[in-house]
């Protein structure tokens, strides 16, 4: 992919243009991710009676812990008020993927996969943590990563 800047005084506000021969799923995904970064989609996290605005691009994963939904970033772990099904609907079509009913992972935080003897996958994250898929989600993982 080539990145070019077109600088001129006639442009009042910056804009991004994607030029290609035809529209593809990768280009659509790219446009969604650019939009999310530019518009800074965020979620409110709670930690030590403080509210913290957490941008989605910083989030490594969402998971349940002690009957609460938690988001993990490189800087910390925050409790969120949304339920897992609400997050799944909100993050549909983004870089996040459900690996079980209790966990959603940012695809860019996945380092590697290991197949377990039970037929599920061990997912190794860039943070050094690892988690497992439920067998129900193995097909979705294969479709997302083994196209």
Protein backbone atom coordinates (compact mmCIF):
# COMPACT_ATOMS: atom_id res chain seq x y z
CA UNK A 1 0.00 0.00 0.00
CA UNK A 2 1.29 3.41 -0.92
CA UNK A 3 0.66 6.47 1.28
CA UNK A 4 0.70 9.90 -0.37
CA UNK A 5 0.12 13.39 1.00
CA UNK A 6 -1.63 15.99 -1.13
CA UNK A 7 -0.97 19.31 0.57
CA UNK A 8 -2.56 22.54 -0.68
CA UNK A 9 -4.05 25.67 0.84
CA UNK A 10 -7.41 24.97 -0.83
CA UNK A 11 -8.10 22.12 1.64
CA UNK A 12 -9.85 23.61 4.65
CA UNK A 13 -10.27 20.36 6.58
CA UNK A 14 -8.12 17.23 6.26
CA UNK A 15 -9.68 14.22 4.52
CA UNK A 16 -8.61 10.69 3.71
CA UNK A 17 -9.19 9.07 0.33
CA UNK A 18 -8.80 5.38 -0.53
CA UNK A 19 -8.01 4.76 -4.20
CA UNK A 20 -8.30 1.24 -5.63
CA UNK A 21 -9.46 -0.63 -8.74
CA UNK A 22 -12.42 -2.17 -6.89
CA UNK A 23 -13.93 -2.31 -3.44
CA UNK A 24 -12.85 -5.24 -1.28
CA UNK A 25 -13.53 -6.46 2.24
CA UNK A 26 -10.03 -5.40 3.32
CA UNK A 27 -10.60 -1.85 2.07
CA UNK A 28 -13.95 -1.65 3.83
CA UNK A 29 -12.29 -2.85 7.05
CA UNK A 30 -9.50 -0.30 6.56
CA UNK A 31 -12.04 2.51 6.19
CA UNK A 32 -13.85 1.38 9.36
CA UNK A 33 -10.60 1.31 11.34
CA UNK A 34 -9.51 4.73 10.04
CA UNK A 35 -12.90 6.12 11.01
CA UNK A 36 -12.65 4.65 14.50
CA UNK A 37 -9.15 6.03 15.03
CA UNK A 38 -10.01 9.46 13.69
CA UNK A 39 -13.30 9.70 15.54
CA UNK A 40 -11.73 8.19 18.63
CA UNK A 41 -14.37 5.66 19.63
CA UNK A 42 -14.09 5.35 23.38
CA UNK A 43 -15.57 3.56 26.34
CA UNK A 44 -15.77 4.68 29.96
CA UNK A 45 -13.74 2.53 32.33
CA UNK A 46 -13.91 2.57 36.11
CA UNK A 47 -10.93 2.07 38.39
CA UNK A 48 -10.62 3.02 42.07
CA UNK A 49 -13.81 5.14 42.00
CA UNK A 50 -12.50 7.10 38.99
CA UNK A 51 -13.96 7.29 35.51
CA UNK A 52 -11.40 6.97 32.74
CA UNK A 53 -12.00 7.41 29.01
CA UNK A 54 -10.40 4.47 27.21
CA UNK A 55 -10.03 4.57 23.39
CA UNK A 56 -10.96 1.28 21.70
CA UNK A 57 -7.64 1.09 19.85
CA UNK A 58 -5.82 0.78 23.21
CA UNK A 59 -7.96 -2.13 24.41
CA UNK A 60 -6.39 -5.58 24.25
CA UNK A 61 -9.42 -7.56 25.39
CA UNK A 62 -12.73 -7.57 27.23
CA UNK A 63 -13.50 -10.41 29.63
CA UNK A 64 -15.66 -11.24 32.62
CA UNK A 65 -14.21 -11.31 36.11
CA UNK A 66 -16.20 -11.68 39.35
CA UNK A 67 -19.52 -11.05 37.53
CA UNK A 68 -18.21 -7.79 36.00
CA UNK A 69 -17.05 -6.98 32.48
CA UNK A 70 -13.45 -5.78 32.41
CA UNK A 71 -11.37 -4.22 29.64
CA UNK A 72 -7.63 -4.75 29.64
CA UNK A 73 -5.19 -2.27 28.13
CA UNK A 74 -1.42 -2.03 28.26
CA UNK A 75 -1.77 0.63 30.96
CA UNK A 76 -4.27 -1.12 33.22
CA UNK A 77 -7.51 -2.97 33.74
CA UNK A 78 -10.84 -1.15 33.97
CA UNK A 79 -14.35 -2.26 34.83
CA UNK A 80 -16.97 -1.29 32.24
CA UNK A 81 -20.73 -1.09 32.56
CA UNK A 82 -21.62 -2.68 29.23
CA UNK A 83 -22.55 -6.35 29.04
CA UNK A 84 -20.66 -8.76 26.80
CA UNK A 85 -23.54 -9.06 24.32
CA UNK A 86 -23.70 -5.24 24.04
CA UNK A 87 -19.97 -5.09 23.35
CA UNK A 88 -20.26 -7.87 20.74
CA UNK A 89 -22.94 -5.87 18.92
CA UNK A 90 -21.00 -2.61 19.23
CA UNK A 91 -17.73 -4.15 18.02
CA UNK A 92 -19.19 -6.22 15.18
CA UNK A 93 -17.17 -5.71 12.00
CA UNK A 94 -14.18 -4.27 13.84
CA UNK A 95 -10.81 -5.72 14.76
CA UNK A 96 -12.30 -7.38 17.84
CA UNK A 97 -13.28 -11.06 17.77
CA UNK A 98 -15.23 -13.15 20.27
CA UNK A 99 -13.31 -16.21 21.45
CA UNK A 100 -15.87 -17.32 24.04
CA UNK A 101 -19.07 -16.06 25.64
CA UNK A 102 -16.92 -14.41 28.29
CA UNK A 103 -14.09 -12.89 26.20
CA UNK A 104 -13.57 -10.58 23.22
CA UNK A 105 -10.02 -9.98 21.95
CA UNK A 106 -8.51 -7.29 19.73
CA UNK A 107 -7.08 -9.18 16.73
CA UNK A 108 -4.01 -6.95 16.64
CA UNK A 109 -3.11 -8.16 20.16
CA UNK A 110 -2.96 -11.83 19.10
CA UNK A 111 0.58 -13.13 18.74
CA UNK A 112 0.02 -16.83 18.00
CA UNK A 113 -2.32 -19.81 18.24
CA UNK A 114 -1.72 -23.30 19.57
CA UNK A 115 -4.13 -26.16 18.97
CA UNK A 116 -4.99 -28.01 22.20
CA UNK A 117 -5.74 -31.71 22.54
CA UNK A 118 -9.42 -30.92 23.17
CA UNK A 119 -9.77 -29.24 19.76
CA UNK A 120 -9.85 -25.64 20.94
CA UNK A 121 -7.12 -23.03 20.50
CA UNK A 122 -4.78 -21.49 23.03
CA UNK A 123 -4.39 -17.83 22.09
CA UNK A 124 -1.11 -16.17 23.06
CA UNK A 125 -1.35 -12.39 23.32
CA UNK A 126 1.34 -9.79 22.73
CA UNK A 127 1.22 -8.94 26.45
CA UNK A 128 2.45 -12.42 27.35
CA UNK A 129 -0.94 -13.56 28.63
CA UNK A 130 -2.72 -16.52 27.10
CA UNK A 131 -6.36 -17.55 26.92
CA UNK A 132 -8.41 -20.31 25.36
CA UNK A 133 -11.26 -20.35 22.89
CA UNK A 134 -14.38 -22.24 23.66
CA UNK A 135 -15.13 -25.03 21.19
CA UNK A 136 -18.23 -23.14 20.06
CA UNK A 137 -16.05 -20.30 18.70
CA UNK A 138 -13.36 -22.39 16.96
CA UNK A 139 -15.12 -22.11 13.58
CA UNK A 140 -15.25 -18.30 13.81
CA UNK A 141 -11.56 -18.15 14.71
CA UNK A 142 -10.68 -20.33 11.71
CA UNK A 143 -12.77 -18.18 9.37
CA UNK A 144 -11.22 -14.96 10.66
CA UNK A 145 -7.58 -16.05 10.59
CA UNK A 146 -7.29 -19.00 8.22
CA UNK A 147 -9.03 -17.51 5.15
